[in-house]
Amino acid sequence: MDEDAYKQHNDKDVYKKYSIDTTDYEVGQDNVQKWGFDVHNPVFGISAGLILLFLGSLLFVDPSVAKDTLNAVKNSIIDQFDGLFMWSANFFVLFTFAIMLSPLGKIRIGGKDSVADHSRGSWLAMLFAAGMGIGLLFWGVAEPTAYYTDWFGTPLNVPPMTPEAKSLALGATIFHWGIHGWAIYAIVALSLAFFAYNKGLPLSMRSVFYPIFGDRAWGWLGHIIDIMAVLATLFGLATSLGLGAQQATSGINYVFGTDGGFGMQLVVIVFVTLIAIISVVRGIDGGVKLLSNINMVFAFLLLIFVTIVCFNTAIKSVPETLMAYIENIIPLSNPHGREDETWMHGWTVFYWAWWISWSPFVGMFIARVSKGRTVREFLFAVVFIPTLVTIVWMGIFGGIALDQVINKVGALGTNGLTDISLTLFQVYDQLPYGHIISVVSIVLILVFFITSSDSGSLVIDSITAGGKIDAPIPQRIFWASIEGAIAAMMLWIGGTDALQALQSGVVTTALPFNFILLLMCFSLVRGLRTELHLYTK
């Protein structure tokens, strides 16, 4: 959609309308439609051009040099803006709480009479699988172990390998995967959903800023915001897919005794990309929702099995993890006067930057599947439900891993943390039917990557089509394929160095996005207040 088309929408005064679904009129009427694509020229063309320019430059730049350069930029941002990231994350938590508890929480996404498109179980499964599912498997055992053994510093400078270190290792892990991160996702998701489903604006990042910038949101200011969202989403997903292919290959080699290298990593990428393409072609109901539901069932069964076979550890670890999180959330949230500044920069500030850089992708996907929920229900579900699941999952798996380290059981207990991608499987080796649950976990890992890939592709489709919710099938296939191609090319050109360079680049985008999110909070309140009178009669 070009600027004139956006102005035409503005002439209709869609911002002031109540309960207009974007499917009720042709959002992309002036978009370029060719070869089965529905292209919003500035966003699609510039995004695709920058991606091609980036990939072409990799052929002439040493990946290790690119990694060092981008790492230096990333570390400089983290060092200089640590307070900004930390206090912003705290503000986002308080902001979501305030909206949830205020009268604004009664407003329904899509209008007063809107009904949900998906069951509550499917809705939670989709937002969870897209947002962090894969992190549970790898970091649920590796992160507490890293903190406990002083692999890269310890939280709050607690002495490692002590009872205090164990408790804080579990609490700090949940701190990084709990309400702070999900509050970031929730703000973006609620803003996008409200302005799309309640105000009839295109489902695009620019629409959120209409109350502040007016017509300028449909011009180059909006183009830049959407282009940044596309690049952060695509490069973030490609990085995760490439690193995930390496991790999955390591797991396959470990479990099955194979010796696959780049060839097997490429097979993993191709497999994930092909299934993701099938999923995006089938759409939300036939693809993403189906895979998310299947994955949640298998993850739940895995959790039950591990809980049963390690019942004594599990029953103690979950309450310990919850209490450690509650006791340490305030000290861990305060960036000033910290003796563990190196640990805070390397873990907490990096995590907040990564959550922020991923917020356009995850937030927009959550927005797409959340119509019909009240603001209060939405915020409670998005912020607290994943946090509770994380406490249970990481409490159990992290507790088992720490028990093995403390009692010097197995490879993890004997050698400590040597390879993050193998930590989960080393823990399984000491459990009954360890080989079987390792195979199940590899399948879960692959499906989690697929759900992230297909949901991310649907998000990019929407942005590059000018905010259309249902982009043409060829366009969906294009972006899903591009994502896999970038991951494969990065591995081929520079392996881990190239992927980590890309990861550093993605995290660097968190600085401007941090300011965008702060502005988004102000815009969201202005928008919500225009509908409050409908719920106070």
Protein backbone atom coordinates (compact mmCIF):
# COMPACT_ATOMS: atom_id res chain seq x y z
CA MET A 1 0.00 0.00 0.00
CA ASP A 2 1.50 3.35 -0.98
CA GLU A 3 1.14 6.68 0.81
CA ASP A 4 -1.93 7.71 -1.19
CA ALA A 5 -3.69 4.49 -0.26
CA TYR A 6 -2.99 5.07 3.41
CA LYS A 7 -4.32 8.60 3.12
CA GLN A 8 -7.46 7.23 1.52
CA HIS A 9 -7.94 5.04 4.61
CA ASN A 10 -7.35 8.06 6.80
CA ASP A 11 -9.99 9.98 4.83
CA LYS A 12 -12.43 7.25 5.84
CA ASP A 13 -11.58 8.20 9.43
CA VAL A 14 -10.92 4.56 10.24
CA TYR A 15 -9.06 5.47 13.40
CA LYS A 16 -12.24 6.81 14.99
CA LYS A 17 -14.38 3.92 13.84
CA TYR A 18 -15.33 1.25 16.27
CA SER A 19 -14.90 -2.47 15.57
CA ILE A 20 -13.79 -2.54 11.93
CA ASP A 21 -12.10 -5.76 10.86
CA THR A 22 -9.36 -5.28 8.28
CA THR A 23 -10.84 -8.13 6.27
CA ASP A 24 -14.00 -6.06 5.70
CA TYR A 25 -12.34 -3.90 3.09
CA GLU A 26 -9.42 -4.17 0.69
CA VAL A 27 -6.38 -3.10 2.69
CA GLY A 28 -3.96 -3.60 -0.18
CA GLN A 29 -6.05 -2.16 -2.99
CA ASP A 30 -3.18 -0.06 -4.33
CA ASN A 31 -0.41 -2.56 -3.69
CA VAL A 32 1.54 -3.95 -6.61
CA GLN A 33 0.11 -7.36 -7.48
CA LYS A 34 2.36 -9.38 -9.76
CA TRP A 35 3.51 -13.00 -10.04
CA GLY A 36 1.11 -13.94 -7.25
CA PHE A 37 2.61 -11.38 -4.83
CA ASP A 38 0.84 -8.52 -3.06
CA VAL A 39 3.68 -6.12 -2.49
CA HIS A 40 3.84 -2.89 -0.54
CA ASN A 41 6.60 -1.46 -2.68
CA PRO A 42 8.77 0.57 -0.28
CA VAL A 43 8.79 -2.00 2.52
CA PHE A 44 9.06 -5.14 0.37
CA GLY A 45 11.56 -3.69 -2.09
CA ILE A 46 13.89 -2.05 0.42
CA SER A 47 13.76 -5.02 2.82
CA ALA A 48 14.54 -7.51 0.05
CA GLY A 49 17.28 -5.24 -1.32
CA LEU A 50 18.98 -4.85 2.05
CA ILE A 51 18.85 -8.60 2.61
CA LEU A 52 20.46 -9.29 -0.76
CA LEU A 53 23.08 -6.59 -0.12
CA PHE A 54 23.90 -8.13 3.26
CA LEU A 55 24.24 -11.63 1.83
CA GLY A 56 26.37 -10.37 -1.05
CA SER A 57 28.69 -8.54 1.30
CA LEU A 58 29.34 -11.78 3.19
CA LEU A 59 31.06 -13.17 0.09
CA PHE A 60 33.73 -10.46 0.42
CA VAL A 61 34.01 -10.09 4.20
CA ASP A 62 35.74 -12.52 6.54
CA PRO A 63 32.95 -13.84 8.84
CA SER A 64 35.25 -13.73 11.86
CA VAL A 65 36.01 -10.05 11.16
CA ALA A 66 32.28 -9.33 10.79
CA LYS A 67 31.64 -11.19 14.03
CA ASP A 68 34.28 -9.22 15.93
CA THR A 69 33.08 -5.90 14.51
CA LEU A 70 29.39 -6.49 15.26
CA ASN A 71 30.23 -7.97 18.66
CA ALA A 72 32.14 -4.79 19.48
CA VAL A 73 29.13 -2.68 18.50
CA LYS A 74 26.76 -4.92 20.47
CA ASN A 75 28.98 -4.90 23.56
CA SER A 76 29.37 -1.12 23.36
CA ILE A 77 25.59 -0.69 23.26
CA ILE A 78 25.12 -3.09 26.18
CA ASP A 79 27.82 -1.37 28.24
CA GLN A 80 26.60 2.17 27.61
CA PHE A 81 22.85 1.57 27.68
CA ASP A 82 22.61 -1.13 30.34
CA GLY A 83 20.58 1.15 32.61
CA LEU A 84 18.19 2.02 29.79
CA PHE A 85 17.50 -1.64 28.99
CA MET A 86 17.14 -2.64 32.64
CA TRP A 87 14.82 0.19 33.68
CA SER A 88 12.82 -0.08 30.46
CA ALA A 89 12.17 -3.76 31.14
CA ASN A 90 11.04 -2.89 34.67
CA PHE A 91 8.77 -0.16 33.31
CA PHE A 92 7.19 -2.56 30.79
CA VAL A 93 6.28 -4.94 33.62
CA LEU A 94 4.72 -2.15 35.71
CA PHE A 95 2.94 -0.78 32.64
CA THR A 96 1.27 -4.10 31.82
CA PHE A 97 0.22 -4.51 35.45
CA ALA A 98 -1.28 -1.01 35.48
CA ILE A 99 -3.26 -1.58 32.26
CA MET A 100 -4.43 -4.98 33.47
CA LEU A 101 -5.75 -3.63 36.77
CA SER A 102 -7.20 -0.39 35.38
CA PRO A 103 -10.65 0.07 33.79
CA LEU A 104 -8.88 -0.20 30.41
CA GLY A 105 -8.60 -3.93 31.08
CA LYS A 106 -12.32 -4.33 30.31
CA ILE A 107 -11.88 -3.36 26.65
CA ARG A 108 -12.23 -6.28 24.25
CA ILE A 109 -9.88 -6.74 21.30
CA GLY A 110 -12.01 -6.50 18.16
CA GLY A 111 -14.91 -4.68 19.78
CA LYS A 112 -17.40 -5.16 22.59
CA ASP A 113 -19.20 -8.07 20.89
CA SER A 114 -16.14 -9.72 19.37
CA VAL A 115 -15.62 -13.46 19.96
CA ALA A 116 -12.36 -15.39 20.05
CA ASP A 117 -11.19 -17.07 16.85
CA HIS A 118 -9.36 -19.86 18.69
CA SER A 119 -9.96 -21.93 21.81
CA ARG A 120 -8.04 -20.84 24.89
CA GLY A 121 -5.85 -23.96 24.80
CA SER A 122 -4.89 -23.51 21.13
CA TRP A 123 -4.33 -19.80 21.67
CA LEU A 124 -1.93 -20.38 24.57
CA ALA A 125 -0.13 -23.14 22.67
CA MET A 126 0.47 -20.90 19.66
CA LEU A 127 1.77 -17.88 21.54
CA PHE A 128 3.99 -20.09 23.68
CA ALA A 129 5.44 -22.14 20.80
CA ALA A 130 6.22 -19.00 18.79
CA GLY A 131 7.60 -17.06 21.73
CA MET A 132 10.01 -19.31 23.57
CA GLY A 133 9.27 -23.03 23.27
CA ILE A 134 12.72 -23.98 22.02
CA GLY A 135 14.42 -22.09 24.85
CA LEU A 136 12.89 -24.38 27.44
CA LEU A 137 14.65 -27.43 26.06
CA PHE A 138 18.16 -26.08 25.77
CA TRP A 139 18.36 -23.41 28.44
CA GLY A 140 16.21 -25.18 31.00
CA VAL A 141 19.20 -27.34 31.95
CA ALA A 142 22.16 -25.33 30.62
CA GLU A 143 21.43 -21.93 32.14
CA PRO A 144 21.05 -22.96 35.82
CA THR A 145 24.15 -25.13 35.43
CA ALA A 146 26.11 -22.21 33.98
CA TYR A 147 25.17 -19.92 36.87
CA TYR A 148 25.81 -22.54 39.55
CA THR A 149 29.26 -23.52 38.26
CA ASP A 150 30.46 -19.97 37.43
CA TRP A 151 30.66 -20.75 33.71
CA PHE A 152 30.45 -17.03 32.92
CA GLY A 153 30.11 -15.33 36.26
CA THR A 154 27.44 -15.82 38.91
CA PRO A 155 24.29 -13.76 39.55
CA LEU A 156 24.66 -11.17 42.33
CA ASN A 157 28.24 -12.41 42.75
CA VAL A 158 27.14 -15.31 44.95
CA PRO A 159 29.93 -17.88 45.62
CA PRO A 160 29.56 -20.74 43.08
CA MET A 161 28.87 -24.37 43.99
CA THR A 162 27.03 -23.42 47.21
CA PRO A 163 23.41 -23.89 48.34
CA GLU A 164 22.88 -20.16 47.82
CA ALA A 165 24.28 -20.47 44.29
CA LYS A 166 21.84 -23.29 43.51
CA SER A 167 18.82 -21.30 44.63
CA LEU A 168 19.92 -18.15 42.83
CA ALA A 169 20.79 -20.09 39.67
CA LEU A 170 17.19 -21.30 39.43
CA GLY A 171 15.73 -17.89 40.33
CA ALA A 172 17.93 -15.99 37.87
CA THR A 173 17.00 -18.39 35.07
CA ILE A 174 13.29 -17.71 35.60
CA PHE A 175 14.06 -14.00 35.85
CA HIS A 176 15.37 -14.08 32.29
CA TRP A 177 12.44 -16.12 30.95
CA GLY A 178 9.63 -14.74 33.09
CA ILE A 179 7.38 -11.71 33.31
CA HIS A 180 9.92 -9.13 32.09
CA GLY A 181 10.38 -10.71 28.68
CA TRP A 182 6.73 -11.54 28.23
CA ALA A 183 5.69 -8.02 29.22
CA ILE A 184 7.77 -6.78 26.28
CA TYR A 185 5.95 -9.15 23.92
CA ALA A 186 2.58 -8.28 25.46
CA ILE A 187 2.91 -4.53 24.87
CA VAL A 188 3.74 -4.98 21.18
CA ALA A 189 1.06 -7.63 20.71
CA LEU A 190 -1.69 -5.67 22.45
CA SER A 191 -0.85 -2.47 20.57
CA LEU A 192 -0.93 -4.20 17.18
CA ALA A 193 -4.12 -6.14 17.97
CA PHE A 194 -5.98 -3.10 19.28
CA PHE A 195 -5.23 -0.76 16.39
CA ALA A 196 -5.87 -3.50 13.80
CA TYR A 197 -9.03 -5.07 15.20
CA ASN A 198 -10.61 -2.14 17.05
CA LYS A 199 -9.60 0.76 14.81
CA GLY A 200 -9.49 -0.98 11.44
CA LEU A 201 -5.89 0.02 10.69
CA PRO A 202 -3.51 -2.31 8.80
CA LEU A 203 -1.82 -4.98 10.92
CA SER A 204 1.58 -3.33 10.76
CA MET A 205 3.98 -1.71 13.20
CA ARG A 206 3.35 1.75 11.79
CA SER A 207 -0.34 1.65 12.67
CA VAL A 208 0.46 1.69 16.39
CA PHE A 209 1.84 5.22 16.07
CA TYR A 210 -1.10 6.79 14.28
CA PRO A 211 -2.37 8.57 17.43
CA ILE A 212 1.01 10.29 17.73
CA PHE A 213 2.17 10.89 14.16
CA GLY A 214 -1.09 10.93 12.22
CA ASP A 215 -0.60 10.90 8.42
CA ARG A 216 3.17 10.71 8.82
CA ALA A 217 2.75 7.11 9.98
CA TRP A 218 1.73 6.26 6.41
CA GLY A 219 4.80 7.89 4.89
CA TRP A 220 8.51 7.23 5.16
CA LEU A 221 8.50 7.32 8.95
CA GLY A 222 6.17 4.30 8.87
CA HIS A 223 8.18 2.66 6.10
CA ILE A 224 11.34 2.81 8.23
CA ILE A 225 9.57 1.30 11.26
CA ASP A 226 8.17 -1.57 9.17
CA ILE A 227 11.49 -2.21 7.39
CA MET A 228 13.29 -2.42 10.75
CA ALA A 229 10.65 -4.89 11.95
CA VAL A 230 11.08 -7.05 8.82
CA LEU A 231 14.87 -7.15 9.07
CA ALA A 232 14.92 -7.85 12.81
CA THR A 233 12.36 -10.63 12.37
CA LEU A 234 13.98 -12.27 9.35
CA PHE A 235 17.56 -12.13 10.61
CA GLY A 236 16.52 -13.18 14.11
CA LEU A 237 14.68 -16.22 12.77
CA ALA A 238 17.48 -17.10 10.35
CA THR A 239 20.01 -16.90 13.18
CA SER A 240 17.90 -19.14 15.40
CA LEU A 241 17.35 -21.60 12.56
CA GLY A 242 21.07 -21.78 11.78
CA LEU A 243 22.15 -22.16 15.40
CA GLY A 244 19.25 -24.57 15.94
CA ALA A 245 20.41 -26.70 13.02
CA GLN A 246 23.84 -26.93 14.64
CA GLN A 247 22.31 -27.82 18.00
CA ALA A 248 19.92 -30.38 16.51
CA THR A 249 22.77 -31.94 14.54
CA SER A 250 24.87 -32.19 17.70
CA GLY A 251 21.95 -33.91 19.43
CA ILE A 252 21.41 -36.33 16.55
CA ASN A 253 25.13 -37.17 16.46
CA TYR A 254 25.19 -37.69 20.23
CA VAL A 255 22.05 -39.82 20.40
CA PHE A 256 22.54 -41.93 17.28
CA GLY A 257 26.33 -42.02 17.17
CA THR A 258 26.54 -40.37 13.75
CA ASP A 259 29.16 -37.92 12.57
CA GLY A 260 27.16 -35.44 10.51
CA GLY A 261 28.56 -31.99 9.87
CA PHE A 262 27.45 -29.24 7.51
CA GLY A 263 25.62 -31.76 5.32
CA MET A 264 23.36 -32.83 8.17
CA GLN A 265 22.88 -29.23 9.27
CA LEU A 266 21.73 -28.43 5.75
CA VAL A 267 19.32 -31.38 5.82
CA VAL A 268 17.85 -30.06 9.08
CA ILE A 269 17.39 -26.57 7.60
CA VAL A 270 15.78 -27.94 4.44
CA PHE A 271 13.46 -30.19 6.45
CA VAL A 272 12.38 -27.39 8.79
CA THR A 273 11.91 -24.98 5.87
CA LEU A 274 9.83 -27.44 3.82
CA ILE A 275 7.49 -28.22 6.71
CA ALA A 276 7.27 -24.51 7.53
CA ILE A 277 6.30 -23.78 3.90
CA ILE A 278 3.55 -26.40 4.07
CA SER A 279 2.38 -24.87 7.33
CA VAL A 280 2.27 -21.28 6.05
CA VAL A 281 0.42 -22.42 2.93
CA ARG A 282 -2.20 -24.07 5.14
CA GLY A 283 -2.52 -20.90 7.22
CA ILE A 284 -3.09 -20.35 10.94
CA ASP A 285 -5.71 -23.05 11.57
CA GLY A 286 -4.38 -25.80 9.33
CA GLY A 287 -0.70 -25.15 9.96
CA VAL A 288 0.60 -23.15 12.91
CA LYS A 289 -2.20 -24.04 15.31
CA LEU A 290 -2.07 -27.74 14.47
CA LEU A 291 1.70 -27.97 14.95
CA SER A 292 1.58 -25.90 18.15
CA ASN A 293 -1.12 -28.13 19.66
CA ILE A 294 0.80 -31.29 18.77
CA ASN A 295 4.01 -29.90 20.21
CA MET A 296 2.38 -28.80 23.45
CA VAL A 297 0.90 -32.28 23.95
CA PHE A 298 4.27 -33.99 23.49
CA ALA A 299 6.05 -31.41 25.64
CA PHE A 300 3.47 -31.93 28.40
CA LEU A 301 3.87 -35.72 28.22
CA LEU A 302 7.66 -35.36 28.37
CA LEU A 303 7.35 -33.13 31.43
CA ILE A 304 5.05 -35.64 33.17
CA PHE A 305 7.41 -38.53 32.44
CA VAL A 306 10.50 -36.70 33.71
CA THR A 307 8.57 -35.57 36.81
CA ILE A 308 7.55 -39.16 37.59
CA VAL A 309 11.02 -40.70 37.19
CA CYS A 310 12.65 -37.85 39.19
CA PHE A 311 9.76 -37.21 41.55
CA ASN A 312 11.76 -36.38 44.70
CA THR A 313 13.89 -33.81 42.90
CA ALA A 314 10.99 -32.35 40.92
CA ILE A 315 8.68 -31.93 43.90
CA LYS A 316 11.35 -29.92 45.74
CA SER A 317 12.72 -27.92 42.81
CA VAL A 318 9.52 -26.21 41.67
CA PRO A 319 8.74 -24.49 45.02
CA GLU A 320 12.43 -23.67 45.44
CA THR A 321 12.52 -22.12 41.98
CA LEU A 322 9.37 -20.07 42.59
CA MET A 323 10.61 -18.74 45.92
CA ALA A 324 14.06 -17.95 44.51
CA TYR A 325 12.42 -15.99 41.68
CA ILE A 326 10.21 -13.99 44.04
CA GLU A 327 13.03 -13.28 46.52
CA ASN A 328 15.54 -12.16 43.90
CA ILE A 329 13.44 -10.40 41.27
CA ILE A 330 14.01 -6.94 42.77
CA PRO A 331 17.80 -7.29 43.35
CA LEU A 332 18.20 -8.74 39.84
CA SER A 333 16.11 -5.90 38.36
CA ASN A 334 18.25 -3.13 39.86
CA PRO A 335 21.21 -2.23 37.60
CA HIS A 336 22.94 0.12 40.05
CA GLY A 337 25.71 -0.79 42.46
CA ARG A 338 26.02 -4.32 41.14
CA GLU A 339 29.17 -6.28 41.92
CA ASP A 340 28.22 -8.73 39.18
CA GLU A 341 28.21 -6.19 36.35
CA THR A 342 29.99 -8.54 33.92
CA TRP A 343 27.40 -11.24 34.53
CA MET A 344 24.56 -8.70 34.27
CA HIS A 345 25.83 -7.40 30.92
CA GLY A 346 26.54 -10.85 29.50
CA TRP A 347 23.21 -12.34 30.54
CA THR A 348 20.45 -9.98 31.71
CA VAL A 349 21.06 -6.95 29.46
CA PHE A 350 21.70 -9.27 26.50
CA TYR A 351 18.45 -11.09 27.21
CA TRP A 352 16.44 -7.87 27.40
CA ALA A 353 17.97 -6.69 24.13
CA TRP A 354 17.15 -10.03 22.48
CA TRP A 355 13.54 -10.00 23.75
CA ILE A 356 13.12 -6.44 22.45
CA SER A 357 14.62 -7.26 19.04
CA TRP A 358 12.23 -10.22 18.71
CA SER A 359 9.18 -8.29 19.92
CA PRO A 360 7.96 -7.18 16.45
CA PHE A 361 7.84 -10.80 15.29
CA VAL A 362 6.36 -12.49 18.36
CA GLY A 363 4.15 -9.52 19.18
CA MET A 364 2.59 -9.40 15.73
CA PHE A 365 1.97 -13.14 15.68
CA ILE A 366 0.31 -13.04 19.10
CA ALA A 367 -1.80 -10.12 17.87
CA ARG A 368 -2.96 -12.13 14.86
CA VAL A 369 -4.37 -14.93 17.01
CA SER A 370 -5.77 -12.88 19.93
CA LYS A 371 -8.95 -11.29 18.60
CA GLY A 372 -11.90 -11.56 20.97
CA ARG A 373 -9.93 -11.47 24.24
CA THR A 374 -10.35 -8.70 26.77
CA VAL A 375 -7.27 -6.61 27.46
CA ARG A 376 -7.17 -7.97 31.02
CA GLU A 377 -7.44 -11.61 29.91
CA PHE A 378 -4.89 -10.99 27.16
CA LEU A 379 -2.27 -9.44 29.43
CA PHE A 380 -2.76 -12.01 32.18
CA ALA A 381 -2.42 -14.91 29.75
CA VAL A 382 0.54 -13.49 27.82
CA VAL A 383 2.54 -12.37 30.87
CA PHE A 384 1.71 -14.91 33.59
CA ILE A 385 0.79 -18.23 31.95
CA PRO A 386 4.12 -18.68 30.09
CA THR A 387 5.94 -17.59 33.26
CA LEU A 388 4.16 -20.24 35.34
CA VAL A 389 4.90 -22.94 32.76
CA THR A 390 8.52 -21.80 32.69
CA ILE A 391 8.80 -22.04 36.49
CA VAL A 392 7.52 -25.61 36.42
CA TRP A 393 9.56 -26.71 33.40
CA MET A 394 12.87 -25.06 34.26
CA GLY A 395 12.42 -25.81 37.95
CA ILE A 396 12.16 -29.53 37.19
CA PHE A 397 14.76 -29.82 34.43
CA GLY A 398 17.12 -27.30 36.02
CA GLY A 399 16.77 -28.99 39.41
CA ILE A 400 17.63 -32.40 37.91
CA ALA A 401 20.68 -30.95 36.13
CA LEU A 402 21.95 -29.25 39.30
CA ASP A 403 21.42 -32.45 41.30
CA GLN A 404 23.63 -34.32 38.82
CA VAL A 405 26.32 -31.63 39.11
CA ILE A 406 26.17 -31.58 42.91
CA ASN A 407 26.28 -35.39 43.19
CA LYS A 408 28.81 -35.74 40.33
CA VAL A 409 26.51 -37.98 38.32
CA GLY A 410 27.14 -38.66 34.62
CA ALA A 411 29.01 -36.52 32.10
CA LEU A 412 27.49 -33.29 33.36
CA GLY A 413 28.40 -34.02 36.97
CA THR A 414 31.90 -35.20 36.07
CA ASN A 415 32.95 -32.69 33.41
CA GLY A 416 30.62 -29.76 34.07
CA LEU A 417 29.16 -27.61 31.31
CA THR A 418 31.22 -28.29 28.18
CA ASP A 419 28.76 -28.07 25.27
CA ILE A 420 25.40 -26.31 25.75
CA SER A 421 23.81 -28.16 22.83
CA LEU A 422 24.51 -31.53 24.51
CA THR A 423 23.63 -30.66 28.11
CA LEU A 424 20.03 -31.82 27.81
CA PHE A 425 21.04 -35.18 26.36
CA GLN A 426 23.74 -35.68 28.98
CA VAL A 427 21.05 -35.26 31.66
CA TYR A 428 18.80 -37.76 29.85
CA ASP A 429 21.61 -40.35 29.85
CA GLN A 430 21.13 -40.77 33.58
CA LEU A 431 17.35 -41.24 33.39
CA PRO A 432 15.33 -44.38 32.59
CA TYR A 433 14.55 -44.67 28.87
CA GLY A 434 17.00 -41.83 28.28
CA HIS A 435 17.49 -42.77 24.61
CA ILE A 436 13.76 -42.67 23.90
CA ILE A 437 13.16 -39.29 25.53
CA SER A 438 16.24 -37.94 23.73
CA VAL A 439 14.62 -38.89 20.42
CA VAL A 440 11.33 -37.30 21.52
CA SER A 441 13.19 -34.12 22.48
CA ILE A 442 14.92 -33.93 19.09
CA VAL A 443 11.50 -34.12 17.43
CA LEU A 444 10.21 -31.40 19.80
CA ILE A 445 13.19 -29.21 18.98
CA LEU A 446 12.56 -29.53 15.26
CA VAL A 447 8.83 -28.82 15.58
CA PHE A 448 9.48 -25.81 17.81
CA PHE A 449 11.77 -24.44 15.10
CA ILE A 450 9.08 -25.09 12.51
CA THR A 451 6.43 -23.22 14.51
CA SER A 452 8.79 -20.26 14.96
CA SER A 453 9.65 -20.29 11.25
CA ASP A 454 6.09 -20.46 9.93
CA SER A 455 4.70 -17.93 12.39
CA GLY A 456 7.59 -15.57 11.58
CA SER A 457 6.98 -15.98 7.84
CA LEU A 458 3.31 -15.08 8.30
CA VAL A 459 4.35 -11.95 10.18
CA ILE A 460 6.77 -10.83 7.45
CA ASP A 461 4.09 -11.55 4.82
CA SER A 462 1.70 -9.21 6.60
CA ILE A 463 4.20 -6.36 7.00
CA THR A 464 5.47 -6.49 3.41
CA ALA A 465 1.90 -6.64 2.06
CA GLY A 466 1.02 -3.34 3.71
CA GLY A 467 -0.73 -4.87 6.72
CA LYS A 468 -2.88 -7.48 5.00
CA ILE A 469 -3.69 -10.38 7.30
CA ASP A 470 -3.81 -12.98 4.51
CA ALA A 471 -1.00 -12.47 2.01
CA PRO A 472 -0.99 -14.55 -1.21
CA ILE A 473 0.44 -18.08 -0.98
CA PRO A 474 3.45 -17.41 -3.29
CA GLN A 475 4.48 -14.57 -1.00
CA ARG A 476 4.26 -16.81 2.07
CA ILE A 477 6.44 -19.40 0.32
CA PHE A 478 8.94 -16.72 -0.71
CA TRP A 479 9.64 -15.45 2.81
CA ALA A 480 9.75 -18.92 4.40
CA SER A 481 12.24 -19.98 1.71
CA ILE A 482 14.34 -16.82 2.13
CA GLU A 483 14.63 -17.48 5.86
CA GLY A 484 15.95 -21.01 5.28
CA ALA A 485 18.26 -19.82 2.50
CA ILE A 486 19.84 -17.16 4.73
CA ALA A 487 20.45 -19.71 7.50
CA ALA A 488 22.01 -22.19 5.05
CA MET A 489 24.18 -19.55 3.39
CA MET A 490 25.42 -18.25 6.73
CA LEU A 491 26.46 -21.75 7.77
CA TRP A 492 28.12 -22.37 4.41
CA ILE A 493 30.01 -19.08 4.33
CA GLY A 494 31.16 -18.79 7.90
CA GLY A 495 29.52 -21.33 10.17
CA THR A 496 29.14 -20.27 13.79
CA ASP A 497 31.12 -17.03 13.28
CA ALA A 498 28.70 -15.83 10.59
CA LEU A 499 25.63 -16.76 12.65
CA GLN A 500 26.95 -15.05 15.76
CA ALA A 501 27.76 -11.95 13.70
CA LEU A 502 24.16 -11.90 12.50
CA GLN A 503 22.94 -12.45 16.06
CA SER A 504 24.98 -9.47 17.26
CA GLY A 505 23.49 -7.39 14.46
CA VAL A 506 19.96 -8.34 15.49
CA VAL A 507 20.61 -7.46 19.14
CA THR A 508 21.99 -4.09 18.03
CA THR A 509 18.54 -3.25 16.61
CA ALA A 510 17.17 -3.50 20.16
CA LEU A 511 18.42 0.02 21.00
CA PRO A 512 16.15 1.90 18.56
CA PHE A 513 13.33 -0.59 19.20
CA ASN A 514 13.60 0.13 22.92
CA PHE A 515 12.64 3.76 22.27
CA ILE A 516 9.91 2.62 19.87
CA LEU A 517 8.41 0.42 22.61
CA LEU A 518 8.44 3.24 25.15
CA LEU A 519 6.63 5.47 22.65
CA MET A 520 4.27 2.60 21.89
CA CYS A 521 3.10 2.53 25.52
CA PHE A 522 2.04 6.18 25.30
CA SER A 523 0.25 5.59 21.99
CA LEU A 524 -1.54 2.50 23.30
CA VAL A 525 -2.97 4.36 26.28
CA ARG A 526 -4.23 7.13 23.99
CA GLY A 527 -5.87 4.57 21.77
CA LEU A 528 -7.48 2.54 24.57
CA ARG A 529 -8.93 5.63 26.21
CA THR A 530 -10.97 6.38 23.07
CA GLU A 531 -13.03 3.23 23.70
CA LEU A 532 -13.29 3.26 27.48
CA HIS A 533 -16.68 5.04 27.38
CA LEU A 534 -18.20 2.02 25.62
CA TYR A 535 -17.59 -0.11 28.73
CA THR A 536 -18.63 2.38 31.41
CA LYS A 537 -22.26 2.97 30.44
